[in-house]
């Protein structure tokens, strides 16, 4: 019984970690894209 709870807990932590990593990756990509486009716009003006 205790082992099953431990496994569930481990899976939950892993899932949470994956979600956090996914969100931070998306944030990083959008931030890079925004700063990239901002520099292009500044350069072309």
C-alpha atoms as a PDB file:
ATOM      1  CA  UNK A   1       0.000   0.000   0.000  1.00  0.00           C
ATOM      2  CA  UNK A   2       2.719   2.430   1.003  1.00  0.00           C
ATOM      3  CA  UNK A   3       4.663   1.562  -2.150  1.00  0.00           C
ATOM      4  CA  UNK A   4       1.693   2.433  -4.384  1.00  0.00           C
ATOM      5  CA  UNK A   5       1.304   5.808  -2.665  1.00  0.00           C
ATOM      6  CA  UNK A   6       5.022   6.432  -3.138  1.00  0.00           C
ATOM      7  CA  UNK A   7       4.754   5.573  -6.837  1.00  0.00           C
ATOM      8  CA  UNK A   8       1.787   7.925  -7.260  1.00  0.00           C
ATOM      9  CA  UNK A   9       3.677  10.676  -5.475  1.00  0.00           C
ATOM     10  CA  UNK A  10       6.697  10.148  -7.732  1.00  0.00           C
ATOM     11  CA  UNK A  11       4.531  10.274 -10.856  1.00  0.00           C
ATOM     12  CA  UNK A  12       2.830  13.452  -9.642  1.00  0.00           C
ATOM     13  CA  UNK A  13       6.185  15.133  -8.976  1.00  0.00           C
ATOM     14  CA  UNK A  14       7.460  14.069 -12.403  1.00  0.00           C
ATOM     15  CA  UNK A  15       4.318  15.375 -14.126  1.00  0.00           C
ATOM     16  CA  UNK A  16       4.525  18.687 -12.267  1.00  0.00           C
ATOM     17  CA  UNK A  17       8.199  19.001 -13.172  1.00  0.00           C
ATOM     18  CA  UNK A  18       7.430  18.326 -16.845  1.00  0.00           C
ATOM     19  CA  UNK A  19       4.659  20.953 -16.851  1.00  0.00           C
ATOM     20  CA  UNK A  20       6.936  23.535 -15.205  1.00  0.00           C
ATOM     21  CA  UNK A  21       9.744  22.741 -17.651  1.00  0.00           C
ATOM     22  CA  UNK A  22       7.325  22.961 -20.581  1.00  0.00           C
ATOM     23  CA  UNK A  23       5.966  26.323 -19.429  1.00  0.00           C
ATOM     24  CA  UNK A  24       9.410  27.798 -18.825  1.00  0.00           C
ATOM     25  CA  UNK A  25      10.544  26.506 -22.245  1.00  0.00           C
ATOM     26  CA  UNK A  26       7.561  28.163 -23.947  1.00  0.00           C
ATOM     27  CA  UNK A  27       8.197  31.371 -22.003  1.00  0.00           C
ATOM     28  CA  UNK A  28      11.859  31.333 -23.016  1.00  0.00           C
ATOM     29  CA  UNK A  29      11.025  30.757 -26.696  1.00  0.00           C
ATOM     30  CA  UNK A  30       8.410  33.541 -26.772  1.00  0.00           C
ATOM     31  CA  UNK A  31      10.779  35.904 -24.936  1.00  0.00           C
ATOM     32  CA  UNK A  32      13.560  35.158 -27.435  1.00  0.00           C
ATOM     33  CA  UNK A  33      11.160  35.647 -30.342  1.00  0.00           C
ATOM     34  CA  UNK A  34       9.911  38.960 -28.916  1.00  0.00           C
ATOM     35  CA  UNK A  35      13.398  40.375 -28.346  1.00  0.00           C
ATOM     36  CA  UNK A  36      14.466  39.118 -31.800  1.00  0.00           C
ATOM     37  CA  UNK A  37      11.569  40.872 -33.521  1.00  0.00           C
ATOM     38  CA  UNK A  38      12.059  43.998 -31.388  1.00  0.00           C
ATOM     39  CA  UNK A  39      15.669  44.265 -32.547  1.00  0.00           C
ATOM     40  CA  UNK A  40      14.685  43.777 -36.189  1.00  0.00           C
ATOM     41  CA  UNK A  41      12.000  46.477 -35.895  1.00  0.00           C
ATOM     42  CA  UNK A  42      14.408  48.898 -34.198  1.00  0.00           C
ATOM     43  CA  UNK A  43      17.026  48.199 -36.856  1.00  0.00           C
ATOM     44  CA  UNK A  44      14.618  48.779 -39.759  1.00  0.00           C
ATOM     45  CA  UNK A  45      13.232  52.066 -38.395  1.00  0.00           C
END
